[in-house]
Protein backbone atom coordinates (compact mmCIF):
# COMPACT_ATOMS: atom_id res chain seq x y z
CA MET A 1 -6.53 -6.76 -60.68
CA LEU A 2 -4.43 -4.24 -58.80
CA GLU A 3 -1.25 -5.36 -57.09
CA LYS A 4 0.82 -2.90 -55.11
CA LYS A 5 2.91 -2.99 -51.94
CA TYR A 6 2.15 -0.44 -49.24
CA LYS A 7 3.96 0.61 -46.09
CA ILE A 8 1.65 0.58 -43.06
CA ARG A 9 1.72 3.65 -40.81
CA PRO A 10 0.33 4.28 -37.33
CA SER A 11 -3.13 5.76 -37.05
CA TRP A 12 -3.20 9.12 -35.30
CA LYS A 13 -6.85 8.83 -34.31
CA GLY A 14 -7.99 7.85 -30.83
CA LYS A 15 -6.10 7.45 -27.60
CA LYS A 16 -2.40 6.72 -27.73
CA GLU A 17 -2.73 3.17 -26.37
CA GLU A 18 -5.60 2.36 -28.77
CA LYS A 19 -3.91 3.42 -31.99
CA GLY A 20 -4.36 1.08 -34.90
CA LYS A 21 -2.61 0.95 -38.24
CA GLU A 22 -3.78 2.51 -41.47
CA ARG A 23 -3.08 2.73 -45.17
CA THR A 24 -4.50 5.03 -47.80
CA LEU A 25 -6.58 3.32 -50.47
CA HIS A 26 -5.09 3.43 -53.97
CA PRO A 27 -6.68 6.30 -55.94
CA ASP A 28 -7.20 4.19 -59.09
CA TRP A 29 -9.09 1.57 -57.06
CA CYS A 30 -11.25 4.28 -55.48
CA ARG A 31 -12.01 5.86 -58.86
CA TYR A 32 -12.85 2.48 -60.41
CA HIS A 33 -15.29 1.66 -57.59
CA ARG A 34 -16.49 5.28 -57.31
CA ILE A 35 -15.51 5.48 -53.64
CA GLU A 36 -15.85 8.93 -52.10
CA THR A 37 -14.72 10.32 -48.76
CA GLY A 38 -17.12 9.08 -46.08
CA ASP A 39 -18.08 5.88 -47.92
CA VAL A 40 -17.75 2.65 -45.95
CA VAL A 41 -15.75 -0.33 -47.24
CA LYS A 42 -16.11 -3.77 -45.68
CA VAL A 43 -13.02 -5.72 -44.57
CA LEU A 44 -13.08 -9.53 -44.56
CA ALA A 45 -10.01 -11.30 -43.22
CA ASN A 46 -8.82 -14.81 -42.41
CA GLY A 47 -5.11 -15.00 -43.10
CA ILE A 48 -5.56 -12.58 -45.99
CA MET A 49 -7.48 -9.32 -45.98
CA VAL A 50 -10.05 -8.36 -48.62
CA LEU A 51 -11.56 -4.88 -48.98
CA LEU A 52 -15.06 -4.85 -50.41
CA PRO A 53 -16.29 -1.61 -51.97
CA PRO A 54 -19.81 -0.43 -51.02
CA ASN A 55 -21.33 -1.66 -54.29
CA THR A 56 -20.21 -5.31 -53.88
CA SER A 57 -23.02 -7.70 -54.77
CA VAL A 58 -24.36 -10.11 -52.16
CA ASP A 59 -23.38 -13.04 -54.42
CA LYS A 60 -19.79 -11.85 -54.80
CA GLU A 61 -19.45 -11.23 -51.05
CA ALA A 62 -20.77 -14.74 -50.34
CA LYS A 63 -18.17 -16.26 -52.70
CA ILE A 64 -15.35 -14.30 -51.04
CA ARG A 65 -16.58 -15.32 -47.58
CA ALA A 66 -16.68 -18.99 -48.64
CA PHE A 67 -13.13 -18.71 -50.00
CA LEU A 68 -11.84 -17.13 -46.78
CA GLU A 69 -13.65 -19.66 -44.59
CA GLN A 70 -11.80 -22.50 -46.35
CA GLY A 71 -8.66 -21.23 -44.63
CA MET A 72 -5.15 -21.18 -45.92
């Protein structure tokens, strides 16, 4: 498990009024999951946010979804 605090910064992409927030993914996490530039990660959120790497199994994603749907 990786635990680290990150400071969120404004996204510079898109129109000024549509800017979101962004954070760089931790390099160790990317290496562990073999994530390369251009890969797509899935975000699930319901009070907490979970990033799923591209190689997440259907079973594992279903368990995480069930956990998040229980609410906090």
